[in-house]
Amino acid sequence: MYRNFAVALLVSCFAATGWAQSPSTSAPAVAPQAAKPATKKPTAKTAAPKAKSDSRAAPTESGPCSLGVISAIGDRFAVHKFGLTVFETENDEVPIDNWGLDDIVLARVRAVMGTDPSIRKIGYPRGAFEPFYNPKSRLIRDPAEDLPAIVRSITANANCERYLVVTRYKAQLSGTNLTINGIGAYSRGLGSLARQAHLFANISVSLLDGRTYEKVDRRLALLKATFGDGLRLTEDPLTQIDNALFPDPPAAASNSTALREKTCTLVAARLDRSLPVFLRDE
């Protein structure tokens, strides 16, 4: 954008104007004619700056790419308020682009792999993952809405050996038929005194081959790692929050520093548990 603007500006500054024609001196007997007024050439119009692209593109990098890191988790925060009946349920989503959750993914990858320059963050246009999260096809899913097709469409020039993709998913609250979506907070109970508030981070890690875009199966290794850490019989303390921290109204979430810090800590902990399984050498 700035290059186009600079070129147009130079054209505008250096637009030439015509010189006035000199009187004729070849026939002295004829009275000299009045000089014609200088004819100005049209001044080139300065090109209007292009609107900023609403994308999450990372800076262009050169050299080999062993791993492209794609994070599609950090643009929204879900707020669920559950009552005793389905009619008392409230579901909202709040934009949180300024929280930097996608940056945490690359940071935790580097914590495992080190500062390898061949590991890159892959940018993508806003809305690229909407078909994945909100597919139009319900009964038979369109392959174009699946993760491999979307990753292929945003990595045409990346040429990485593999792509690590982090996405959100919907899950049922344990022991209930209540759905919690992606990353967010929920409050459950009756009235204001009997309520309990919690954070959640439903994030999934996928590893794709850079040539075929087929998923590299790590399910067994991930299952072993989960059982190796031991099954938690009590609630994860990272998910517990005070009722006062629950965003009410939901829009208050985006400006809550405490909620942001606790969510970032929870997301990092979830990644630290699963990333080593996907990034270890085979």
C-alpha atoms as a PDB file:
ATOM      1  CA  MET A   1       0.000   0.000   0.000  1.00  0.00           C
ATOM      2  CA  TYR A   2       2.703   2.480   1.034  1.00  0.00           C
ATOM      3  CA  ARG A   3       4.738   1.739  -2.122  1.00  0.00           C
ATOM      4  CA  ASN A   4       1.738   2.515  -4.361  1.00  0.00           C
ATOM      5  CA  PHE A   5       1.094   5.717  -2.415  1.00  0.00           C
ATOM      6  CA  ALA A   6       4.727   6.845  -2.643  1.00  0.00           C
ATOM      7  CA  VAL A   7       4.860   6.284  -6.413  1.00  0.00           C
ATOM      8  CA  ALA A   8       1.649   8.208  -6.947  1.00  0.00           C
ATOM      9  CA  LEU A   9       2.942  11.017  -4.755  1.00  0.00           C
ATOM     10  CA  LEU A  10       6.164  11.317  -6.767  1.00  0.00           C
ATOM     11  CA  VAL A  11       4.175  11.428  -9.979  1.00  0.00           C
ATOM     12  CA  SER A  12       2.083  14.212  -8.532  1.00  0.00           C
ATOM     13  CA  CYS A  13       5.097  16.198  -7.309  1.00  0.00           C
ATOM     14  CA  PHE A  14       7.033  15.946 -10.573  1.00  0.00           C
ATOM     15  CA  ALA A  15       4.191  16.410 -13.081  1.00  0.00           C
ATOM     16  CA  ALA A  16       5.638  18.510 -15.858  1.00  0.00           C
ATOM     17  CA  THR A  17       4.122  21.693 -17.155  1.00  0.00           C
ATOM     18  CA  GLY A  18       4.583  22.906 -20.758  1.00  0.00           C
ATOM     19  CA  TRP A  19       7.002  25.722 -21.539  1.00  0.00           C
ATOM     20  CA  ALA A  20       5.772  28.966 -23.093  1.00  0.00           C
ATOM     21  CA  GLN A  21       6.575  29.196 -26.791  1.00  0.00           C
ATOM     22  CA  SER A  22       9.254  31.817 -27.721  1.00  0.00           C
ATOM     23  CA  PRO A  23       8.516  34.591 -30.281  1.00  0.00           C
ATOM     24  CA  SER A  24       9.526  33.837 -33.877  1.00  0.00           C
ATOM     25  CA  THR A  25      12.859  35.451 -34.993  1.00  0.00           C
ATOM     26  CA  SER A  26      13.084  34.036 -38.555  1.00  0.00           C
ATOM     27  CA  ALA A  27      11.162  36.976 -40.203  1.00  0.00           C
ATOM     28  CA  PRO A  28      12.285  40.338 -38.760  1.00  0.00           C
ATOM     29  CA  ALA A  29       9.900  42.327 -40.980  1.00  0.00           C
ATOM     30  CA  VAL A  30       6.899  40.755 -39.362  1.00  0.00           C
ATOM     31  CA  ALA A  31       5.856  42.056 -36.005  1.00  0.00           C
ATOM     32  CA  PRO A  32       6.549  39.454 -33.377  1.00  0.00           C
ATOM     33  CA  GLN A  33       3.495  37.585 -32.165  1.00  0.00           C
ATOM     34  CA  ALA A  34       2.574  37.565 -28.554  1.00  0.00           C
ATOM     35  CA  ALA A  35       3.835  34.533 -26.765  1.00  0.00           C
ATOM     36  CA  LYS A  36       1.213  31.835 -26.322  1.00  0.00           C
ATOM     37  CA  PRO A  37       0.268  31.089 -22.772  1.00  0.00           C
ATOM     38  CA  ALA A  38       1.982  28.064 -21.345  1.00  0.00           C
ATOM     39  CA  THR A  39      -0.114  24.988 -21.714  1.00  0.00           C
ATOM     40  CA  LYS A  40      -0.078  22.991 -18.521  1.00  0.00           C
ATOM     41  CA  LYS A  41      -0.244  19.281 -18.709  1.00  0.00           C
ATOM     42  CA  PRO A  42      -2.870  17.676 -16.521  1.00  0.00           C
ATOM     43  CA  THR A  43      -1.472  17.087 -13.094  1.00  0.00           C
ATOM     44  CA  ALA A  44      -1.477  13.437 -12.200  1.00  0.00           C
ATOM     45  CA  LYS A  45      -3.920  12.720  -9.459  1.00  0.00           C
ATOM     46  CA  THR A  46      -2.460  11.356  -6.275  1.00  0.00           C
ATOM     47  CA  ALA A  47      -3.656   7.842  -5.823  1.00  0.00           C
ATOM     48  CA  ALA A  48      -5.876   7.432  -2.811  1.00  0.00           C
ATOM     49  CA  PRO A  49      -4.426   5.141  -0.163  1.00  0.00           C
ATOM     50  CA  LYS A  50      -5.837   1.667  -0.355  1.00  0.00           C
ATOM     51  CA  ALA A  51      -7.886   0.454   2.551  1.00  0.00           C
ATOM     52  CA  LYS A  52      -6.007  -1.736   4.975  1.00  0.00           C
ATOM     53  CA  SER A  53      -6.553  -5.402   4.361  1.00  0.00           C
ATOM     54  CA  ASP A  54      -8.468  -7.022   7.194  1.00  0.00           C
ATOM     55  CA  SER A  55      -6.136  -9.977   7.496  1.00  0.00           C
ATOM     56  CA  ARG A  56      -3.727 -11.649   9.865  1.00  0.00           C
ATOM     57  CA  ALA A  57      -0.860 -11.990   7.476  1.00  0.00           C
ATOM     58  CA  ALA A  58       2.573 -12.581   8.957  1.00  0.00           C
ATOM     59  CA  PRO A  59       5.644 -10.813   7.502  1.00  0.00           C
ATOM     60  CA  THR A  60       7.038 -12.480   4.384  1.00  0.00           C
ATOM     61  CA  GLU A  61      10.008 -14.701   5.168  1.00  0.00           C
ATOM     62  CA  SER A  62      12.503 -16.418   2.927  1.00  0.00           C
ATOM     63  CA  GLY A  63      14.446 -19.629   3.230  1.00  0.00           C
ATOM     64  CA  PRO A  64      13.323 -23.175   4.012  1.00  0.00           C
ATOM     65  CA  CYS A  65      10.245 -23.778   6.148  1.00  0.00           C
ATOM     66  CA  SER A  66      10.150 -26.941   8.207  1.00  0.00           C
ATOM     67  CA  LEU A  67       6.978 -26.067  10.118  1.00  0.00           C
ATOM     68  CA  GLY A  68       4.256 -23.532   9.415  1.00  0.00           C
ATOM     69  CA  VAL A  69       2.275 -22.543  12.517  1.00  0.00           C
ATOM     70  CA  ILE A  70      -1.356 -21.541  11.977  1.00  0.00           C
ATOM     71  CA  SER A  71      -3.512 -20.435  14.900  1.00  0.00           C
ATOM     72  CA  ALA A  72      -7.242 -19.799  14.482  1.00  0.00           C
ATOM     73  CA  ILE A  73      -8.347 -19.507  18.108  1.00  0.00           C
ATOM     74  CA  GLY A  74      -7.905 -15.903  19.145  1.00  0.00           C
ATOM     75  CA  ASP A  75     -10.678 -13.791  17.650  1.00  0.00           C
ATOM     76  CA  ARG A  76     -13.641 -14.494  19.927  1.00  0.00           C
ATOM     77  CA  PHE A  77     -14.525 -15.297  23.539  1.00  0.00           C
ATOM     78  CA  ALA A  78     -17.676 -17.278  24.282  1.00  0.00           C
ATOM     79  CA  VAL A  79     -19.860 -16.318  27.245  1.00  0.00           C
ATOM     80  CA  HIS A  80     -22.462 -18.877  28.373  1.00  0.00           C
ATOM     81  CA  LYS A  81     -24.984 -18.351  31.158  1.00  0.00           C
ATOM     82  CA  PHE A  82     -26.852 -21.513  32.100  1.00  0.00           C
ATOM     83  CA  GLY A  83     -29.994 -21.682  34.242  1.00  0.00           C
ATOM     84  CA  LEU A  84     -32.116 -24.591  35.383  1.00  0.00           C
ATOM     85  CA  THR A  85     -33.914 -24.863  32.033  1.00  0.00           C
ATOM     86  CA  VAL A  86     -32.927 -24.381  28.422  1.00  0.00           C
ATOM     87  CA  PHE A  87     -35.077 -21.244  28.337  1.00  0.00           C
ATOM     88  CA  GLU A  88     -32.732 -19.597  30.829  1.00  0.00           C
ATOM     89  CA  THR A  89     -29.637 -20.219  28.697  1.00  0.00           C
ATOM     90  CA  GLU A  90     -27.808 -17.246  27.199  1.00  0.00           C
ATOM     91  CA  ASN A  91     -25.010 -17.647  24.640  1.00  0.00           C
ATOM     92  CA  ASP A  92     -22.851 -14.781  23.416  1.00  0.00           C
ATOM     93  CA  GLU A  93     -19.529 -14.232  21.647  1.00  0.00           C
ATOM     94  CA  VAL A  94     -17.250 -11.259  22.227  1.00  0.00           C
ATOM     95  CA  PRO A  95     -14.410 -10.160  19.882  1.00  0.00           C
ATOM     96  CA  ILE A  96     -10.994 -10.367  21.582  1.00  0.00           C
ATOM     97  CA  ASP A  97      -8.521  -9.753  18.742  1.00  0.00           C
ATOM     98  CA  ASN A  98      -6.385  -7.618  21.059  1.00  0.00           C
ATOM     99  CA  TRP A  99      -5.814 -10.446  23.572  1.00  0.00           C
ATOM    100  CA  GLY A 100      -3.001 -12.050  21.571  1.00  0.00           C
ATOM    101  CA  LEU A 101      -4.109 -15.660  21.999  1.00  0.00           C
ATOM    102  CA  ASP A 102      -2.802 -16.591  18.547  1.00  0.00           C
ATOM    103  CA  ASP A 103       0.634 -15.275  19.521  1.00  0.00           C
ATOM    104  CA  ILE A 104       0.691 -17.687  22.457  1.00  0.00           C
ATOM    105  CA  VAL A 105       0.595 -20.621  20.041  1.00  0.00           C
ATOM    106  CA  LEU A 106       3.820 -19.629  18.284  1.00  0.00           C
ATOM    107  CA  ALA A 107       5.463 -18.834  21.632  1.00  0.00           C
ATOM    108  CA  ARG A 108       4.645 -22.284  23.042  1.00  0.00           C
ATOM    109  CA  VAL A 109       5.831 -23.974  19.836  1.00  0.00           C
ATOM    110  CA  ARG A 110       9.157 -22.170  20.181  1.00  0.00           C
ATOM    111  CA  ALA A 111       9.302 -23.187  23.835  1.00  0.00           C
ATOM    112  CA  VAL A 112       9.335 -26.794  22.632  1.00  0.00           C
ATOM    113  CA  MET A 113      11.370 -26.438  19.416  1.00  0.00           C
ATOM    114  CA  GLY A 114      13.676 -23.520  20.223  1.00  0.00           C
ATOM    115  CA  THR A 115      14.361 -20.535  17.974  1.00  0.00           C
ATOM    116  CA  ASP A 116      14.555 -22.497  14.746  1.00  0.00           C
ATOM    117  CA  PRO A 117      14.314 -19.941  11.881  1.00  0.00           C
ATOM    118  CA  SER A 118      12.621 -22.518   9.678  1.00  0.00           C
ATOM    119  CA  ILE A 119       9.554 -22.418  11.965  1.00  0.00           C
ATOM    120  CA  ARG A 120       7.181 -19.727  10.739  1.00  0.00           C
ATOM    121  CA  LYS A 121       3.887 -18.172  11.605  1.00  0.00           C
ATOM    122  CA  ILE A 122       1.487 -18.396   8.671  1.00  0.00           C
ATOM    123  CA  GLY A 123      -0.951 -15.515   8.212  1.00  0.00           C
ATOM    124  CA  TYR A 124      -4.399 -15.793   6.666  1.00  0.00           C
ATOM    125  CA  PRO A 125      -7.283 -13.500   5.670  1.00  0.00           C
ATOM    126  CA  ARG A 126      -9.968 -12.849   8.231  1.00  0.00           C
ATOM    127  CA  GLY A 127     -12.846 -15.232   7.750  1.00  0.00           C
ATOM    128  CA  ALA A 128     -10.716 -17.968   6.179  1.00  0.00           C
ATOM    129  CA  PHE A 129     -11.777 -20.468   8.854  1.00  0.00           C
ATOM    130  CA  GLU A 130     -15.465 -19.541   8.918  1.00  0.00           C
ATOM    131  CA  PRO A 131     -16.407 -22.455   6.602  1.00  0.00           C
ATOM    132  CA  PHE A 132     -14.656 -24.779   9.063  1.00  0.00           C
ATOM    133  CA  TYR A 133     -16.387 -23.385  12.134  1.00  0.00           C
ATOM    134  CA  ASN A 134     -19.759 -22.704  10.524  1.00  0.00           C
ATOM    135  CA  PRO A 135     -20.161 -25.057   7.553  1.00  0.00           C
ATOM    136  CA  LYS A 136     -23.087 -24.451   5.260  1.00  0.00           C
ATOM    137  CA  SER A 137     -23.437 -28.135   4.503  1.00  0.00           C
ATOM    138  CA  ARG A 138     -24.966 -30.099   7.361  1.00  0.00           C
ATOM    139  CA  LEU A 139     -25.780 -33.625   6.256  1.00  0.00           C
ATOM    140  CA  ILE A 140     -22.840 -34.180   3.902  1.00  0.00           C
ATOM    141  CA  ARG A 141     -19.968 -31.848   4.620  1.00  0.00           C
ATOM    142  CA  ASP A 142     -18.378 -30.100   1.664  1.00  0.00           C
ATOM    143  CA  PRO A 143     -14.665 -31.069   1.458  1.00  0.00           C
ATOM    144  CA  ALA A 144     -13.882 -27.386   0.832  1.00  0.00           C
ATOM    145  CA  GLU A 145     -15.039 -26.695   4.400  1.00  0.00           C
ATOM    146  CA  ASP A 146     -12.617 -29.180   5.925  1.00  0.00           C
ATOM    147  CA  LEU A 147      -9.347 -28.198   7.545  1.00  0.00           C
ATOM    148  CA  PRO A 148      -6.972 -29.585   4.851  1.00  0.00           C
ATOM    149  CA  ALA A 149      -8.698 -27.627   2.066  1.00  0.00           C
ATOM    150  CA  ILE A 150      -8.664 -24.387   4.055  1.00  0.00           C
ATOM    151  CA  VAL A 151      -5.007 -24.770   5.017  1.00  0.00           C
ATOM    152  CA  ARG A 152      -4.111 -25.551   1.402  1.00  0.00           C
ATOM    153  CA  SER A 153      -5.859 -22.366   0.239  1.00  0.00           C
ATOM    154  CA  ILE A 154      -3.869 -20.098   2.600  1.00  0.00           C
ATOM    155  CA  THR A 155      -0.454 -21.728   2.151  1.00  0.00           C
ATOM    156  CA  ALA A 156      -0.077 -21.717  -1.640  1.00  0.00           C
ATOM    157  CA  ASN A 157       3.303 -19.961  -1.446  1.00  0.00           C
ATOM    158  CA  ALA A 158       4.501 -21.095   1.976  1.00  0.00           C
ATOM    159  CA  ASN A 159       6.063 -24.428   0.896  1.00  0.00           C
ATOM    160  CA  CYS A 160       6.461 -25.750   4.436  1.00  0.00           C
ATOM    161  CA  GLU A 161       7.221 -29.389   5.139  1.00  0.00           C
ATOM    162  CA  ARG A 162       4.403 -29.562   7.675  1.00  0.00           C
ATOM    163  CA  TYR A 163       1.698 -27.327   9.111  1.00  0.00           C
ATOM    164  CA  LEU A 164       0.654 -27.255  12.737  1.00  0.00           C
ATOM    165  CA  VAL A 165      -2.888 -25.913  13.012  1.00  0.00           C
ATOM    166  CA  VAL A 166      -4.630 -24.931  16.246  1.00  0.00           C
ATOM    167  CA  THR A 167      -8.409 -24.536  16.189  1.00  0.00           C
ATOM    168  CA  ARG A 168     -11.353 -24.331  18.577  1.00  0.00           C
ATOM    169  CA  TYR A 169     -14.072 -26.920  19.020  1.00  0.00           C
ATOM    170  CA  LYS A 170     -17.424 -27.317  20.746  1.00  0.00           C
ATOM    171  CA  ALA A 171     -17.774 -29.721  23.678  1.00  0.00           C
ATOM    172  CA  GLN A 172     -20.386 -30.815  26.141  1.00  0.00           C
ATOM    173  CA  LEU A 173     -20.028 -29.793  29.741  1.00  0.00           C
ATOM    174  CA  SER A 174     -19.204 -32.923  31.711  1.00  0.00           C
ATOM    175  CA  GLY A 175     -22.296 -34.707  33.012  1.00  0.00           C
ATOM    176  CA  THR A 176     -24.700 -32.453  31.132  1.00  0.00           C
ATOM    177  CA  ASN A 177     -26.052 -31.803  27.648  1.00  0.00           C
ATOM    178  CA  LEU A 178     -24.835 -28.200  27.795  1.00  0.00           C
ATOM    179  CA  THR A 179     -22.505 -27.055  25.001  1.00  0.00           C
ATOM    180  CA  ILE A 180     -19.518 -24.799  25.558  1.00  0.00           C
ATOM    181  CA  ASN A 181     -17.939 -23.336  22.444  1.00  0.00           C
ATOM    182  CA  GLY A 182     -14.208 -22.847  21.963  1.00  0.00           C
ATOM    183  CA  ILE A 183     -12.576 -20.513  24.472  1.00  0.00           C
ATOM    184  CA  GLY A 184     -14.619 -18.627  27.022  1.00  0.00           C
ATOM    185  CA  ALA A 185     -16.385 -18.599  30.365  1.00  0.00           C
ATOM    186  CA  TYR A 186     -19.637 -20.026  31.664  1.00  0.00           C
ATOM    187  CA  SER A 187     -21.776 -19.423  34.704  1.00  0.00           C
ATOM    188  CA  ARG A 188     -24.134 -22.071  35.971  1.00  0.00           C
ATOM    189  CA  GLY A 189     -26.684 -22.176  38.759  1.00  0.00           C
ATOM    190  CA  LEU A 190     -29.819 -20.658  40.170  1.00  0.00           C
ATOM    191  CA  GLY A 191     -30.053 -16.990  40.953  1.00  0.00           C
ATOM    192  CA  SER A 192     -26.931 -15.063  41.922  1.00  0.00           C
ATOM    193  CA  LEU A 193     -25.902 -16.734  45.173  1.00  0.00           C
ATOM    194  CA  ALA A 194     -25.817 -20.360  43.987  1.00  0.00           C
ATOM    195  CA  ARG A 195     -23.905 -19.691  40.787  1.00  0.00           C
ATOM    196  CA  GLN A 196     -20.411 -20.887  39.904  1.00  0.00           C
ATOM    197  CA  ALA A 197     -18.231 -19.429  37.158  1.00  0.00           C
ATOM    198  CA  HIS A 198     -15.555 -21.214  35.143  1.00  0.00           C
ATOM    199  CA  LEU A 199     -13.159 -20.711  32.247  1.00  0.00           C
ATOM    200  CA  PHE A 200     -12.744 -23.252  29.450  1.00  0.00           C
ATOM    201  CA  ALA A 201     -10.394 -23.694  26.508  1.00  0.00           C
ATOM    202  CA  ASN A 202     -11.508 -26.285  23.961  1.00  0.00           C
ATOM    203  CA  ILE A 203      -8.572 -26.202  21.545  1.00  0.00           C
ATOM    204  CA  SER A 204      -7.442 -28.860  19.118  1.00  0.00           C
ATOM    205  CA  VAL A 205      -4.026 -29.359  17.530  1.00  0.00           C
ATOM    206  CA  SER A 206      -3.639 -30.880  14.053  1.00  0.00           C
ATOM    207  CA  LEU A 207      -0.494 -31.680  12.077  1.00  0.00           C
ATOM    208  CA  LEU A 208      -0.723 -31.706   8.267  1.00  0.00           C
ATOM    209  CA  ASP A 209       1.745 -32.917   5.671  1.00  0.00           C
ATOM    210  CA  GLY A 210       2.972 -29.979   3.605  1.00  0.00           C
ATOM    211  CA  ARG A 211       2.691 -31.782   0.252  1.00  0.00           C
ATOM    212  CA  THR A 212      -0.460 -33.894   0.552  1.00  0.00           C
ATOM    213  CA  TYR A 213      -2.191 -31.893   3.315  1.00  0.00           C
ATOM    214  CA  GLU A 214      -3.202 -35.156   4.926  1.00  0.00           C
ATOM    215  CA  LYS A 215      -3.383 -35.224   8.711  1.00  0.00           C
ATOM    216  CA  VAL A 216      -0.497 -36.844  10.547  1.00  0.00           C
ATOM    217  CA  ASP A 217      -2.119 -39.190  13.045  1.00  0.00           C
ATOM    218  CA  ARG A 218      -1.064 -38.492  16.622  1.00  0.00           C
ATOM    219  CA  ARG A 219      -4.186 -39.701  18.410  1.00  0.00           C
ATOM    220  CA  LEU A 220      -2.575 -42.693  20.091  1.00  0.00           C
ATOM    221  CA  ALA A 221       0.405 -40.689  21.290  1.00  0.00           C
ATOM    222  CA  LEU A 222      -1.901 -37.959  22.585  1.00  0.00           C
ATOM    223  CA  LEU A 223      -4.010 -40.519  24.433  1.00  0.00           C
ATOM    224  CA  LYS A 224      -0.909 -41.994  26.053  1.00  0.00           C
ATOM    225  CA  ALA A 225       0.305 -38.572  27.090  1.00  0.00           C
ATOM    226  CA  THR A 226      -3.090 -37.769  28.622  1.00  0.00           C
ATOM    227  CA  PHE A 227      -3.167 -40.944  30.687  1.00  0.00           C
ATOM    228  CA  GLY A 228       0.514 -40.547  31.483  1.00  0.00           C
ATOM    229  CA  ASP A 229      -0.243 -37.260  33.205  1.00  0.00           C
ATOM    230  CA  GLY A 230      -2.933 -38.994  35.204  1.00  0.00           C
ATOM    231  CA  LEU A 231      -6.667 -38.432  35.146  1.00  0.00           C
ATOM    232  CA  ARG A 232      -7.749 -35.412  37.149  1.00  0.00           C
ATOM    233  CA  LEU A 233     -10.455 -36.345  39.622  1.00  0.00           C
ATOM    234  CA  THR A 234     -10.900 -32.791  40.819  1.00  0.00           C
ATOM    235  CA  GLU A 235     -11.512 -29.645  38.834  1.00  0.00           C
ATOM    236  CA  ASP A 236      -8.556 -27.974  37.184  1.00  0.00           C
ATOM    237  CA  PRO A 237      -7.779 -24.927  39.347  1.00  0.00           C
ATOM    238  CA  LEU A 238      -6.963 -22.926  36.202  1.00  0.00           C
ATOM    239  CA  THR A 239     -10.622 -23.054  35.182  1.00  0.00           C
ATOM    240  CA  GLN A 240     -12.087 -21.734  38.433  1.00  0.00           C
ATOM    241  CA  ILE A 241     -12.900 -18.023  38.594  1.00  0.00           C
ATOM    242  CA  ASP A 242     -14.777 -15.817  41.020  1.00  0.00           C
ATOM    243  CA  ASN A 243     -18.330 -14.967  40.115  1.00  0.00           C
ATOM    244  CA  ALA A 244     -17.317 -11.311  40.125  1.00  0.00           C
ATOM    245  CA  LEU A 245     -14.953 -12.012  37.228  1.00  0.00           C
ATOM    246  CA  PHE A 246     -17.662 -13.498  35.021  1.00  0.00           C
ATOM    247  CA  PRO A 247     -18.445 -10.898  32.332  1.00  0.00           C
ATOM    248  CA  ASP A 248     -21.926  -9.498  32.838  1.00  0.00           C
ATOM    249  CA  PRO A 249     -22.807  -8.047  30.401  1.00  0.00           C
ATOM    250  CA  PRO A 250     -20.791 -10.298  28.058  1.00  0.00           C
ATOM    251  CA  ALA A 251     -19.264  -7.322  26.208  1.00  0.00           C
ATOM    252  CA  ALA A 252     -17.335  -6.491  29.390  1.00  0.00           C
ATOM    253  CA  ALA A 253     -15.055  -9.468  28.710  1.00  0.00           C
ATOM    254  CA  SER A 254     -12.987  -7.719  26.048  1.00  0.00           C
ATOM    255  CA  ASN A 255     -11.780  -5.031  28.477  1.00  0.00           C
ATOM    256  CA  SER A 256     -11.141  -7.299  31.468  1.00  0.00           C
ATOM    257  CA  THR A 257      -7.393  -7.541  32.115  1.00  0.00           C
ATOM    258  CA  ALA A 258      -7.831 -10.202  34.799  1.00  0.00           C
ATOM    259  CA  LEU A 259      -9.996 -12.364  32.545  1.00  0.00           C
ATOM    260  CA  ARG A 260      -7.513 -11.972  29.713  1.00  0.00           C
ATOM    261  CA  GLU A 261      -4.549 -13.027  31.869  1.00  0.00           C
ATOM    262  CA  LYS A 262      -6.331 -16.067  33.266  1.00  0.00           C
ATOM    263  CA  THR A 263      -7.460 -17.127  29.792  1.00  0.00           C
ATOM    264  CA  CYS A 264      -3.948 -16.765  28.375  1.00  0.00           C
ATOM    265  CA  THR A 265      -2.578 -18.914  31.226  1.00  0.00           C
ATOM    266  CA  LEU A 266      -5.194 -21.605  30.598  1.00  0.00           C
ATOM    267  CA  VAL A 267      -4.559 -21.669  26.828  1.00  0.00           C
ATOM    268  CA  ALA A 268      -0.786 -21.935  27.371  1.00  0.00           C
ATOM    269  CA  ALA A 269      -1.299 -24.833  29.786  1.00  0.00           C
ATOM    270  CA  ARG A 270      -3.518 -26.676  27.301  1.00  0.00           C
ATOM    271  CA  LEU A 271      -0.920 -26.210  24.550  1.00  0.00           C
ATOM    272  CA  ASP A 272       1.965 -27.317  26.748  1.00  0.00           C
ATOM    273  CA  ARG A 273       0.173 -30.587  27.360  1.00  0.00           C
ATOM    274  CA  SER A 274      -0.446 -31.431  23.701  1.00  0.00           C
ATOM    275  CA  LEU A 275       2.238 -29.701  21.602  1.00  0.00           C
ATOM    276  CA  PRO A 276       5.148 -31.997  22.576  1.00  0.00           C
ATOM    277  CA  VAL A 277       3.167 -34.945  21.195  1.00  0.00           C
ATOM    278  CA  PHE A 278       2.871 -33.286  17.779  1.00  0.00           C
ATOM    279  CA  LEU A 279       6.333 -31.743  17.655  1.00  0.00           C
ATOM    280  CA  ARG A 280       8.478 -34.623  18.833  1.00  0.00           C
ATOM    281  CA  ASP A 281      10.665 -36.489  16.350  1.00  0.00           C
ATOM    282  CA  GLU A 282       9.178 -39.673  15.016  1.00  0.00           C
END
